[in-house]
Amino acid sequence: MKKTLFITAIAMLMGIQAFAQKQSVSMLPGEKWWGCITDMGVQMPFDEATSLEFDLSKQNFNNQTTPLFVSNKGRYIWCDGSFKGAIKDGVISIDPIRGKVECVSAGATLRDAFLAASAKHFPPTGTIPPAEFLNVPQYNTWIELVYNQNQADILKYAHGIVDNGFPTGVIMIDDNWQKYYGNTEFRPDRFPDPKAMMDELHALGFKVMLWICPFVSPDSQEYRMLRNKGYLVMDSKLDRPAILDWWNGLSACYDLSNPEAYAYFKKTLTDLQDKYGIDGFKFDAGDPERYREENTRAFDGKSYDTEQTEWWAKLGLEFPYNEFRACWKMGGQPLVQRLGDKSYSWKAVASLVPDMIAAGMLGHIYTCPDMIGGGEYGSFLNIDQTKFDQELIVRSCQIHSMMPMMQFSVAPWRILNKENLAICHKYAKLHEAMGAYIVEQAEKSSKTGEPIVRPMDYAFPGQGFETCNDQYMLGDKYLVAPMLTRGTERSVKLPKGKWIDENGKVYKGGKTYVLDVPIDRLPYFVQK
């Protein structure tokens, strides 16, 4: 074991080495690592005290995964395919299921490591998502309507946005608008005139997206047609399509490794756009654990688990207005990513900044921190509306306002008092005011590959920010230190130099300050 670790360490110091078998990488003194799993942002950076195991082919932790680790000592680890990983006693172990492990010494800092990995494995494309994702808030009908998506209430929600003075932007109609999975007809009992609904939403100033998934209800007309054409993922043991278990039951699933199935699904969606004027799609599901090699058979004979997830994202690239929660690799692409569904809780609020940092360190430049207040609908059920934690909603809204994207779902005008609604409105308008800057940063990132949300150690190496995950840099200019917990006080550590806060107060850097943060304040700083 010691000999293997020694050989690996020497190889990394020499530059690039690739190995097809299990590899173990010993951490250097003071080395910190980020990577692999967006949903583990709160546990990052990984270091000698970290103890965890995972299998990326079986679990994506409800969010984006990428076979990458990057360190503050300028090193990175990459694997071509999914792998079993472990971190224990200062050693990172990579056991590849497919592909080779590549160990690289790229420089001396986290930024060195990240940019080297980006340039080789997920280079930026020079293209960003449509500006409406970035310069104004997004809205999703999920928390307000859950599975009762219907024309009257969608329009009521949209008019509520306008009537309360919130900026219009992208609006997403969520799950259960269609007759059943695999079908693309609106339910006539809930949508008497979907084209008129689309026209009204567009007239109000919205771009409109529809929730979609790769699943097909079994024994439906669509199922039989797709089965006969060979467009579905097959059962590994039986001569029929696999019936996969997901959160909405048992369904068959498109096999997008089949070029004809891919083209057919794409045309199905473009036909839907042509018929109703839909701008794009929220591509949900696609999680890798549903496509295990021992249970399924792919058209190309090799697209299992994460590869099917990657095909789903590639389909999304065909549509500029897209959104993903589950993704495999695809960093640097103009895909709109979203953090996995967060609960309505302070624990979830505290995870937003570290998880957004983690997403950026995986190359996902254009990411939204889920939905304001949380996107887990069960957290909002059976709550006395007079007892909503309004502070939680306001602080969540403030965090979103200085992120690349912000998304409302629960209607703040329904659950907040007049004073707190005014605060949320203020920060929705702040995001809009920041819109030109955010788009500018996105355009830069589309060329350089740099994340928009950057860990402090990425921007200011060697200044003691290695473990800082409750403040961040938004692009080149803004140091943001939001409230992640209940209360009105927090500390912030400023890098060297002079800094000015949002109220014009000047601070000497290289020091830690305790800030007074009343409910209507979001602290942020620019360097003088």
Protein backbone atom coordinates (compact mmCIF):
# COMPACT_ATOMS: atom_id res chain seq x y z
CA MET A 1 0.00 0.00 0.00
CA LYS A 2 2.72 2.47 0.94
CA LYS A 3 4.58 1.66 -2.30
CA THR A 4 1.42 2.35 -4.38
CA LEU A 5 0.84 5.68 -2.67
CA PHE A 6 4.48 6.64 -3.16
CA ILE A 7 4.42 5.79 -6.87
CA THR A 8 1.15 7.70 -7.34
CA ALA A 9 2.48 10.77 -5.55
CA ILE A 10 5.68 10.79 -7.64
CA ALA A 11 3.66 10.38 -10.83
CA MET A 12 1.44 13.33 -9.93
CA LEU A 13 4.39 15.53 -9.17
CA MET A 14 5.78 14.74 -12.62
CA GLY A 15 2.58 15.85 -14.36
CA ILE A 16 -0.09 13.62 -15.90
CA GLN A 17 -0.52 9.90 -15.33
CA ALA A 18 -3.49 7.76 -16.36
CA PHE A 19 -4.42 4.44 -14.77
CA ALA A 20 -7.18 1.95 -15.60
CA GLN A 21 -7.06 0.27 -12.20
CA LYS A 22 -7.89 1.47 -8.70
CA GLN A 23 -5.77 4.42 -7.59
CA SER A 24 -5.07 5.97 -4.21
CA VAL A 25 -3.93 9.56 -3.86
CA SER A 26 -2.47 10.79 -0.58
CA MET A 27 -3.29 14.33 0.43
CA LEU A 28 -0.44 16.76 0.87
CA PRO A 29 -0.08 18.68 4.15
CA GLY A 30 -2.83 21.30 4.30
CA GLU A 31 -4.42 20.10 1.06
CA LYS A 32 -8.16 20.61 0.58
CA TRP A 33 -10.30 19.07 -2.15
CA TRP A 34 -13.58 19.92 -3.87
CA GLY A 35 -15.49 17.81 -6.36
CA CYS A 36 -17.62 14.94 -7.60
CA ILE A 37 -20.96 15.56 -5.90
CA THR A 38 -22.80 18.90 -5.89
CA ASP A 39 -25.03 17.85 -3.01
CA MET A 40 -21.99 17.31 -0.77
CA GLY A 41 -21.00 20.98 -0.89
CA VAL A 42 -21.62 21.33 2.83
CA GLN A 43 -18.93 18.67 3.45
CA MET A 44 -16.36 20.44 1.28
CA PRO A 45 -13.54 20.98 1.20
CA PHE A 46 -12.63 17.36 1.79
CA ASP A 47 -9.50 16.92 3.88
CA GLU A 48 -7.70 14.44 6.13
CA ALA A 49 -10.65 14.45 8.56
CA THR A 50 -13.17 13.44 5.84
CA SER A 51 -14.58 9.93 5.87
CA LEU A 52 -17.03 8.92 3.13
CA GLU A 53 -17.73 6.35 0.43
CA PHE A 54 -19.85 6.61 -2.72
CA ASP A 55 -20.57 4.91 -6.05
CA LEU A 56 -21.31 7.42 -8.82
CA SER A 57 -22.95 4.72 -10.97
CA LYS A 58 -25.56 4.02 -8.30
CA GLN A 59 -26.21 7.39 -6.73
CA ASN A 60 -26.06 11.01 -7.84
CA PHE A 61 -27.40 12.33 -4.55
CA ASN A 62 -30.30 13.96 -6.41
CA ASN A 63 -28.03 16.41 -8.22
CA GLN A 64 -25.16 16.90 -10.65
CA THR A 65 -22.11 14.63 -10.45
CA THR A 66 -18.79 14.84 -12.27
CA PRO A 67 -15.78 12.47 -12.03
CA LEU A 68 -13.48 15.28 -10.86
CA PHE A 69 -11.60 16.36 -7.75
CA VAL A 70 -9.66 19.64 -7.60
CA SER A 71 -7.33 20.76 -4.81
CA ASN A 72 -5.98 24.01 -3.41
CA LYS A 73 -2.47 22.68 -4.09
CA GLY A 74 -2.98 22.80 -7.85
CA ARG A 75 -3.79 19.12 -8.36
CA TYR A 76 -6.79 17.43 -9.93
CA ILE A 77 -8.07 13.90 -10.42
CA TRP A 78 -10.27 12.94 -13.36
CA CYS A 79 -11.86 9.67 -14.47
CA ASP A 80 -13.36 9.08 -17.92
CA GLY A 81 -16.37 7.23 -16.46
CA SER A 82 -18.20 6.56 -13.26
CA PHE A 83 -16.30 5.14 -10.30
CA LYS A 84 -16.49 4.01 -6.72
CA GLY A 85 -14.82 6.55 -4.49
CA ALA A 86 -13.70 6.78 -0.90
CA ILE A 87 -11.96 9.38 1.23
CA LYS A 88 -10.46 8.26 4.52
CA ASP A 89 -7.39 9.06 6.59
CA GLY A 90 -6.14 11.61 4.10
CA VAL A 91 -6.33 9.26 1.11
CA ILE A 92 -8.65 9.58 -1.92
CA SER A 93 -9.34 6.18 -3.50
CA ILE A 94 -10.74 5.90 -7.03
CA ASP A 95 -11.95 2.52 -8.32
CA PRO A 96 -13.05 3.06 -11.94
CA ILE A 97 -16.10 1.19 -13.20
CA ARG A 98 -15.33 2.43 -16.70
CA GLY A 99 -12.50 4.54 -18.03
CA LYS A 100 -9.12 5.57 -16.70
CA VAL A 101 -8.09 7.67 -13.73
CA GLU A 102 -5.95 10.68 -14.56
CA CYS A 103 -3.86 12.39 -11.88
CA VAL A 104 -2.49 15.84 -12.74
CA SER A 105 -0.29 18.40 -11.06
CA ALA A 106 -1.35 21.61 -12.84
CA GLY A 107 0.06 24.40 -10.67
CA ALA A 108 -0.03 25.67 -7.12
CA THR A 109 -3.61 26.88 -6.49
CA LEU A 110 -7.23 25.81 -6.69
CA ARG A 111 -7.69 28.08 -9.70
CA ASP A 112 -4.71 26.45 -11.46
CA ALA A 113 -6.18 23.00 -10.93
CA PHE A 114 -9.70 23.96 -11.97
CA LEU A 115 -8.74 25.80 -15.15
CA ALA A 116 -6.43 22.98 -16.26
CA ALA A 117 -9.20 20.41 -15.71
CA SER A 118 -11.73 22.63 -17.47
CA ALA A 119 -9.51 23.23 -20.50
CA LYS A 120 -8.95 19.51 -21.03
CA HIS A 121 -12.15 17.83 -19.90
CA PHE A 122 -15.02 20.33 -20.07
CA PRO A 123 -13.92 23.35 -22.11
CA PRO A 124 -16.33 26.28 -22.32
CA THR A 125 -18.32 26.64 -25.53
CA GLY A 126 -18.50 30.43 -25.83
CA THR A 127 -22.30 30.22 -25.57
CA ILE A 128 -24.46 31.16 -22.57
CA PRO A 129 -28.12 30.32 -21.84
CA PRO A 130 -30.68 32.97 -22.80
CA ALA A 131 -30.21 36.15 -20.76
CA GLU A 132 -33.68 35.85 -19.17
CA PHE A 133 -32.34 33.05 -16.98
CA LEU A 134 -29.67 35.37 -15.60
CA ASN A 135 -30.87 38.96 -15.51
CA VAL A 136 -34.38 38.52 -14.06
CA PRO A 137 -35.95 36.02 -11.65
CA GLN A 138 -37.39 32.71 -12.76
CA TYR A 139 -40.74 31.34 -11.57
CA ASN A 140 -41.90 27.75 -11.17
CA THR A 141 -45.46 26.60 -10.51
CA TRP A 142 -44.42 23.53 -8.52
CA ILE A 143 -44.86 24.59 -4.89
CA GLU A 144 -48.10 26.48 -5.50
CA LEU A 145 -49.80 23.77 -7.59
CA VAL A 146 -47.75 20.56 -7.13
CA TYR A 147 -49.53 17.91 -9.27
CA ASN A 148 -52.59 20.10 -9.82
CA GLN A 149 -51.11 21.99 -12.76
CA ASN A 150 -54.00 23.79 -14.47
CA GLN A 151 -54.61 26.71 -16.77
CA ALA A 152 -56.61 28.91 -14.38
CA ASP A 153 -54.14 28.70 -11.49
CA ILE A 154 -51.06 29.08 -13.71
CA LEU A 155 -52.50 32.32 -15.08
CA LYS A 156 -53.45 33.43 -11.56
CA TYR A 157 -49.85 32.83 -10.43
CA ALA A 158 -48.46 34.74 -13.41
CA HIS A 159 -50.77 37.69 -12.82
CA GLY A 160 -49.75 37.64 -9.16
CA ILE A 161 -46.14 38.14 -10.23
CA VAL A 162 -47.07 41.15 -12.35
CA ASP A 163 -49.61 42.62 -9.91
CA ASN A 164 -47.06 42.56 -7.08
CA GLY A 165 -44.44 44.36 -9.16
CA PHE A 166 -41.98 41.48 -9.55
CA PRO A 167 -39.95 41.36 -12.79
CA THR A 168 -41.27 38.95 -15.40
CA GLY A 169 -38.91 36.28 -16.71
CA VAL A 170 -38.99 32.56 -17.38
CA ILE A 171 -42.02 30.71 -16.00
CA MET A 172 -41.93 26.91 -15.75
CA ILE A 173 -45.10 24.80 -15.79
CA ASP A 174 -44.28 21.74 -13.74
CA ASP A 175 -45.23 18.05 -13.61
CA ASN A 176 -48.67 16.66 -14.51
CA TRP A 177 -49.73 19.05 -17.24
CA GLN A 178 -49.90 16.18 -19.73
CA LYS A 179 -52.35 13.27 -19.94
CA TYR A 180 -49.69 10.76 -18.85
CA TYR A 181 -45.93 10.28 -19.18
CA GLY A 182 -44.71 9.95 -22.73
CA ASN A 183 -47.76 11.84 -23.99
CA THR A 184 -47.49 15.50 -25.02
CA GLU A 185 -51.14 16.52 -24.99
CA PHE A 186 -52.35 18.91 -22.30
CA ARG A 187 -54.99 17.44 -20.00
CA PRO A 188 -58.26 18.79 -21.42
CA ASP A 189 -59.95 18.74 -18.00
CA ARG A 190 -57.33 21.19 -16.67
CA PHE A 191 -56.26 23.07 -19.79
CA PRO A 192 -59.29 24.03 -21.87
CA ASP A 193 -57.23 26.21 -24.23
CA PRO A 194 -53.46 25.77 -23.76
CA LYS A 195 -52.59 27.90 -26.79
CA ALA A 196 -54.56 30.83 -25.36
CA MET A 197 -52.76 30.31 -22.03
CA MET A 198 -49.38 30.44 -23.78
CA ASP A 199 -50.35 33.57 -25.66
CA GLU A 200 -51.45 35.28 -22.45
CA LEU A 201 -48.25 34.34 -20.62
CA HIS A 202 -46.18 35.67 -23.49
CA ALA A 203 -48.22 38.88 -23.55
CA LEU A 204 -47.46 39.34 -19.84
CA GLY A 205 -43.74 39.19 -20.63
CA PHE A 206 -42.87 35.58 -19.77
CA LYS A 207 -40.89 32.91 -21.57
CA VAL A 208 -42.67 29.61 -20.98
CA MET A 209 -41.12 26.20 -20.27
CA LEU A 210 -42.77 22.82 -19.71
CA TRP A 211 -41.67 20.05 -17.38
CA ILE A 212 -40.66 16.91 -19.26
CA CYS A 213 -39.13 13.53 -18.35
CA PRO A 214 -37.72 10.56 -20.32
CA PHE A 215 -40.34 8.14 -18.96
CA VAL A 216 -43.28 6.58 -20.77
CA SER A 217 -46.36 5.18 -19.03
CA PRO A 218 -46.44 1.41 -19.68
CA ASP A 219 -49.03 -0.04 -22.02
CA SER A 220 -50.03 3.37 -23.32
CA GLN A 221 -50.38 4.04 -27.03
CA GLU A 222 -46.97 5.77 -26.98
CA TYR A 223 -45.39 2.86 -25.12
CA ARG A 224 -46.54 0.33 -27.70
CA MET A 225 -45.33 2.46 -30.60
CA LEU A 226 -41.93 3.16 -29.01
CA ARG A 227 -41.52 -0.50 -28.01
CA ASN A 228 -42.17 -1.65 -31.55
CA LYS A 229 -39.63 0.84 -32.92
CA GLY A 230 -36.97 -0.24 -30.40
CA TYR A 231 -36.74 3.23 -28.86
CA LEU A 232 -36.93 2.18 -25.19
CA VAL A 233 -34.32 0.99 -22.70
CA MET A 234 -34.56 -2.79 -22.64
CA ASP A 235 -34.66 -5.24 -19.75
CA SER A 236 -31.30 -7.00 -19.40
CA LYS A 237 -32.91 -10.41 -18.91
CA LEU A 238 -36.24 -10.24 -20.73
CA ASP A 239 -37.06 -9.50 -24.35
CA ARG A 240 -39.10 -6.40 -23.55
CA PRO A 241 -38.57 -2.82 -22.40
CA ALA A 242 -37.36 -2.39 -18.84
CA ILE A 243 -39.99 -1.11 -16.42
CA LEU A 244 -38.16 1.28 -14.14
CA ASP A 245 -39.17 2.41 -10.67
CA TRP A 246 -39.03 6.18 -10.16
CA TRP A 247 -40.73 8.66 -7.83
CA ASN A 248 -43.96 8.73 -9.86
CA GLY A 249 -44.29 4.96 -10.19
CA LEU A 250 -43.29 2.37 -12.79
CA SER A 251 -42.50 3.43 -16.34
CA ALA A 252 -40.59 2.54 -19.47
CA CYS A 253 -37.87 4.95 -20.58
CA TYR A 254 -36.49 6.37 -23.81
CA ASP A 255 -33.09 4.99 -24.80
CA LEU A 256 -31.37 8.10 -26.13
CA SER A 257 -28.26 6.12 -27.12
CA ASN A 258 -30.38 5.05 -30.10
CA PRO A 259 -29.96 7.86 -32.68
CA GLU A 260 -33.45 7.26 -34.06
CA ALA A 261 -35.01 7.43 -30.57
CA TYR A 262 -33.05 10.61 -29.87
CA ALA A 263 -34.23 12.20 -33.11
CA TYR A 264 -37.82 11.11 -32.50
CA PHE A 265 -37.92 12.55 -28.98
CA LYS A 266 -36.36 15.78 -30.18
CA LYS A 267 -38.97 16.11 -32.94
CA THR A 268 -41.73 15.37 -30.45
CA LEU A 269 -40.58 18.33 -28.37
CA THR A 270 -40.07 20.68 -31.32
CA ASP A 271 -43.55 19.78 -32.59
CA LEU A 272 -44.89 20.71 -29.15
CA GLN A 273 -43.09 24.04 -29.42
CA ASP A 274 -44.50 24.69 -32.88
CA LYS A 275 -48.04 23.85 -31.82
CA TYR A 276 -48.20 25.97 -28.67
CA GLY A 277 -45.33 28.46 -28.84
CA ILE A 278 -43.48 26.88 -25.92
CA ASP A 279 -39.99 28.33 -25.42
CA GLY A 280 -38.26 25.33 -23.83
CA PHE A 281 -38.31 22.51 -21.31
CA LYS A 282 -37.43 21.63 -17.75
CA PHE A 283 -35.70 18.27 -18.24
CA ASP A 284 -36.36 16.38 -15.01
CA ALA A 285 -35.33 12.90 -13.85
CA GLY A 286 -32.55 11.18 -15.81
CA ASP A 287 -30.87 10.05 -12.57
CA PRO A 288 -28.19 7.39 -13.26
CA GLU A 289 -29.28 4.80 -10.70
CA ARG A 290 -32.30 3.92 -12.84
CA TYR A 291 -30.16 2.53 -15.68
CA ARG A 292 -28.05 -0.11 -13.96
CA GLU A 293 -26.16 -2.47 -16.28
CA GLU A 294 -27.43 -5.54 -14.42
CA ASN A 295 -31.05 -4.45 -15.00
CA THR A 296 -31.09 -2.67 -18.36
CA ARG A 297 -29.78 -3.08 -21.91
CA ALA A 298 -28.94 -0.06 -24.07
CA PHE A 299 -29.13 0.22 -27.85
CA ASP A 300 -25.42 1.04 -28.17
CA GLY A 301 -24.43 -1.69 -25.69
CA LYS A 302 -22.54 0.70 -23.42
CA SER A 303 -24.85 3.48 -22.19
CA TYR A 304 -25.59 2.54 -18.62
CA ASP A 305 -26.15 4.63 -15.48
CA THR A 306 -24.27 7.93 -15.95
CA GLU A 307 -24.05 7.57 -19.75
CA GLN A 308 -27.85 7.66 -20.04
CA THR A 309 -27.85 10.73 -17.77
CA GLU A 310 -25.37 12.35 -20.14
CA TRP A 311 -27.56 11.56 -23.16
CA TRP A 312 -30.47 13.28 -21.41
CA ALA A 313 -28.36 16.42 -20.98
CA LYS A 314 -27.23 16.29 -24.61
CA LEU A 315 -30.87 16.31 -25.66
CA GLY A 316 -31.35 19.39 -23.50
CA LEU A 317 -28.61 21.18 -25.40
CA GLU A 318 -30.87 21.07 -28.45
CA PHE A 319 -33.10 23.61 -26.68
CA PRO A 320 -31.62 26.93 -25.48
CA TYR A 321 -34.33 27.21 -22.80
CA ASN A 322 -33.50 24.18 -20.67
CA GLU A 323 -33.09 23.25 -17.02
CA PHE A 324 -31.55 20.22 -15.27
CA ARG A 325 -31.30 18.92 -11.72
CA ALA A 326 -29.64 15.57 -12.54
CA CYS A 327 -26.57 15.76 -14.74
CA TRP A 328 -23.38 13.85 -15.45
CA LYS A 329 -20.31 15.76 -16.58
CA MET A 330 -21.33 18.40 -19.22
CA GLY A 331 -19.45 21.21 -17.46
CA GLY A 332 -18.87 24.31 -19.59
CA GLN A 333 -22.02 23.69 -21.65
CA PRO A 334 -24.86 26.25 -21.86
CA LEU A 335 -27.08 24.10 -19.66
CA VAL A 336 -29.13 25.66 -16.87
CA GLN A 337 -28.45 23.62 -13.75
CA ARG A 338 -30.43 23.68 -10.51
CA LEU A 339 -29.47 22.47 -7.06
CA GLY A 340 -31.40 19.39 -5.96
CA ASP A 341 -34.71 20.00 -4.21
CA LYS A 342 -34.10 21.70 -0.88
CA SER A 343 -36.39 21.40 2.10
CA TYR A 344 -38.15 24.31 3.76
CA SER A 345 -35.61 24.48 6.59
CA TRP A 346 -32.68 26.49 7.92
CA LYS A 347 -30.43 23.50 7.31
CA ALA A 348 -31.29 23.76 3.62
CA VAL A 349 -30.72 27.53 3.60
CA ALA A 350 -27.27 26.96 5.12
CA SER A 351 -26.43 24.54 2.28
CA LEU A 352 -27.13 26.96 -0.57
CA VAL A 353 -23.77 28.73 -0.66
CA PRO A 354 -21.55 25.62 -0.22
CA ASP A 355 -23.58 23.65 -2.77
CA MET A 356 -23.42 26.50 -5.28
CA ILE A 357 -19.65 26.62 -4.76
CA ALA A 358 -19.51 22.86 -5.37
CA ALA A 359 -21.54 23.19 -8.60
CA GLY A 360 -19.09 25.79 -9.87
CA MET A 361 -16.15 23.56 -9.04
CA LEU A 362 -17.71 20.88 -11.26
CA GLY A 363 -17.85 23.26 -14.21
CA HIS A 364 -21.54 24.11 -13.96
CA ILE A 365 -21.32 27.83 -14.60
CA TYR A 366 -25.03 28.59 -15.01
CA THR A 367 -26.64 27.27 -11.84
CA CYS A 368 -29.71 28.21 -9.79
CA PRO A 369 -29.86 27.52 -6.01
CA ASP A 370 -33.14 25.55 -6.25
CA MET A 371 -36.31 27.49 -5.33
CA ILE A 372 -36.60 30.30 -2.79
CA GLY A 373 -37.63 28.77 0.53
CA GLY A 374 -37.16 25.24 -0.79
CA GLY A 375 -38.38 23.02 -3.61
CA GLU A 376 -39.45 19.94 -1.65
CA TYR A 377 -43.21 20.18 -1.88
CA GLY A 378 -43.75 17.91 1.12
CA SER A 379 -42.12 20.51 3.33
CA PHE A 380 -44.94 22.95 2.51
CA LEU A 381 -47.87 20.59 3.04
CA ASN A 382 -50.10 20.91 6.11
CA ILE A 383 -48.39 24.11 7.25
CA ASP A 384 -50.53 26.72 8.96
CA GLN A 385 -50.09 29.63 6.56
CA THR A 386 -50.05 32.05 9.49
CA LYS A 387 -46.99 30.25 10.89
CA PHE A 388 -44.62 30.31 7.91
CA ASP A 389 -41.06 31.18 8.96
CA GLN A 390 -40.96 34.47 7.11
CA GLU A 391 -37.36 35.13 8.11
CA LEU A 392 -36.33 31.92 6.34
CA ILE A 393 -38.09 32.94 3.12
CA VAL A 394 -36.53 36.41 3.19
CA ARG A 395 -32.99 35.15 3.83
CA SER A 396 -33.36 32.52 1.11
CA CYS A 397 -34.52 35.24 -1.28
CA GLN A 398 -31.51 37.41 -0.41
CA ILE A 399 -29.09 34.55 -1.12
CA HIS A 400 -30.73 33.95 -4.50
CA SER A 401 -30.60 37.62 -5.43
CA MET A 402 -26.79 37.61 -5.70
CA MET A 403 -26.42 34.29 -7.46
CA PRO A 404 -26.27 33.70 -11.22
CA MET A 405 -29.98 32.82 -11.08
CA MET A 406 -32.87 33.19 -8.66
CA GLN A 407 -36.12 31.22 -8.78
CA PHE A 408 -39.43 31.76 -6.98
CA SER A 409 -41.97 28.98 -6.58
CA VAL A 410 -43.92 29.50 -3.36
CA ALA A 411 -45.67 32.84 -3.92
CA PRO A 412 -44.20 35.38 -1.50
CA TRP A 413 -47.32 37.57 -1.76
CA ARG A 414 -49.35 34.64 -0.40
CA ILE A 415 -47.26 33.78 2.64
CA LEU A 416 -45.46 36.98 3.69
CA ASN A 417 -46.62 40.05 5.55
CA LYS A 418 -46.44 43.45 3.90
CA GLU A 419 -43.01 44.33 5.31
CA ASN A 420 -41.33 41.04 4.37
CA LEU A 421 -42.98 40.99 0.94
CA ALA A 422 -41.45 44.42 0.35
CA ILE A 423 -38.01 43.03 1.26
CA CYS A 424 -38.36 40.15 -1.20
CA HIS A 425 -39.50 42.58 -3.86
CA LYS A 426 -36.43 44.73 -3.11
CA TYR A 427 -34.09 41.79 -3.66
CA ALA A 428 -35.87 40.60 -6.81
CA LYS A 429 -35.25 44.10 -8.14
CA LEU A 430 -31.62 43.95 -6.92
CA HIS A 431 -31.11 40.79 -8.98
CA GLU A 432 -32.62 42.59 -11.96
CA ALA A 433 -30.30 45.56 -11.33
CA MET A 434 -27.36 43.14 -11.18
CA GLY A 435 -28.54 41.49 -14.39
CA ALA A 436 -26.16 43.22 -16.79
CA TYR A 437 -23.20 42.35 -14.54
CA ILE A 438 -24.29 38.72 -14.20
CA VAL A 439 -24.73 38.35 -17.95
CA GLU A 440 -21.31 39.96 -18.46
CA GLN A 441 -19.75 37.46 -16.06
CA ALA A 442 -21.54 34.59 -17.79
CA GLU A 443 -20.17 35.73 -21.14
CA LYS A 444 -16.65 35.89 -19.69
CA SER A 445 -17.06 32.44 -18.16
CA SER A 446 -18.30 31.04 -21.46
CA LYS A 447 -14.86 31.87 -22.85
CA THR A 448 -12.57 31.27 -19.85
CA GLY A 449 -14.42 28.42 -18.14
CA GLU A 450 -14.20 30.15 -14.75
CA PRO A 451 -17.14 29.67 -12.39
CA ILE A 452 -19.36 32.65 -11.62
CA VAL A 453 -19.77 31.58 -7.97
CA ARG A 454 -16.22 31.21 -6.70
CA PRO A 455 -14.89 29.94 -3.38
CA MET A 456 -12.86 32.50 -1.51
CA ASP A 457 -9.70 30.42 -1.80
CA TYR A 458 -10.13 30.32 -5.58
CA ALA A 459 -10.03 34.12 -5.76
CA PHE A 460 -7.64 34.79 -2.86
CA PRO A 461 -5.26 31.84 -2.43
CA GLY A 462 -2.92 31.76 0.53
CA GLN A 463 -5.00 34.14 2.65
CA GLY A 464 -6.56 31.56 4.96
CA PHE A 465 -9.85 30.99 3.11
CA GLU A 466 -9.36 27.27 2.44
CA THR A 467 -12.30 26.17 4.62
CA CYS A 468 -14.53 29.21 4.11
CA ASN A 469 -17.88 28.13 2.65
CA ASP A 470 -20.34 30.73 3.96
CA GLN A 471 -19.19 33.63 1.76
CA TYR A 472 -18.13 33.71 -1.89
CA MET A 473 -17.17 35.83 -4.86
CA LEU A 474 -19.85 36.55 -7.45
CA GLY A 475 -17.67 36.89 -10.51
CA ASP A 476 -14.73 39.26 -10.43
CA LYS A 477 -16.21 42.04 -8.32
CA TYR A 478 -18.59 41.18 -5.50
CA LEU A 479 -17.76 39.47 -2.22
CA VAL A 480 -21.10 38.26 -0.84
CA ALA A 481 -21.68 37.28 2.79
CA PRO A 482 -25.40 36.45 3.23
CA MET A 483 -27.17 35.31 6.38
CA LEU A 484 -27.38 31.50 6.26
CA THR A 485 -28.83 31.06 9.74
CA ARG A 486 -31.53 32.61 11.86
CA GLY A 487 -30.48 35.88 13.49
CA THR A 488 -29.12 39.32 12.73
CA GLU A 489 -25.37 38.92 13.21
CA ARG A 490 -22.60 37.19 11.32
CA SER A 491 -18.84 37.44 10.87
CA VAL A 492 -17.10 38.08 7.57
CA LYS A 493 -13.43 37.76 6.73
CA LEU A 494 -12.18 40.22 4.13
CA PRO A 495 -9.12 39.64 1.93
CA LYS A 496 -6.21 42.05 2.00
CA GLY A 497 -6.81 45.57 0.70
CA LYS A 498 -9.62 48.06 1.24
CA TRP A 499 -13.26 47.00 0.86
CA ILE A 500 -16.53 48.95 0.70
CA ASP A 501 -19.84 47.40 1.73
CA GLU A 502 -23.21 47.96 0.07
CA ASN A 503 -23.87 50.91 2.38
CA GLY A 504 -20.60 52.66 1.52
CA LYS A 505 -18.72 51.79 4.70
CA VAL A 506 -14.98 51.23 4.21
CA TYR A 507 -13.13 48.29 5.79
CA LYS A 508 -9.47 47.38 6.03
CA GLY A 509 -8.94 43.90 4.62
CA GLY A 510 -7.03 41.01 6.11
CA LYS A 511 -9.34 41.07 9.13
CA THR A 512 -12.55 39.47 10.38
CA TYR A 513 -15.53 41.68 11.25
CA VAL A 514 -18.78 40.98 13.06
CA LEU A 515 -21.63 42.52 11.09
CA ASP A 516 -25.07 43.68 12.16
CA VAL A 517 -27.45 42.17 9.60
CA PRO A 518 -31.08 43.21 10.14
CA ILE A 519 -33.74 41.31 8.22
CA ASP A 520 -33.65 43.73 5.28
CA ARG A 521 -29.86 43.59 4.79
CA LEU A 522 -27.70 41.44 2.51
CA PRO A 523 -24.01 42.25 3.12
CA TYR A 524 -21.78 42.46 0.07
CA PHE A 525 -18.48 44.21 -0.66
CA VAL A 526 -16.37 45.51 -3.50
CA GLN A 527 -12.64 46.10 -3.38
CA LYS A 528 -11.63 49.76 -3.38
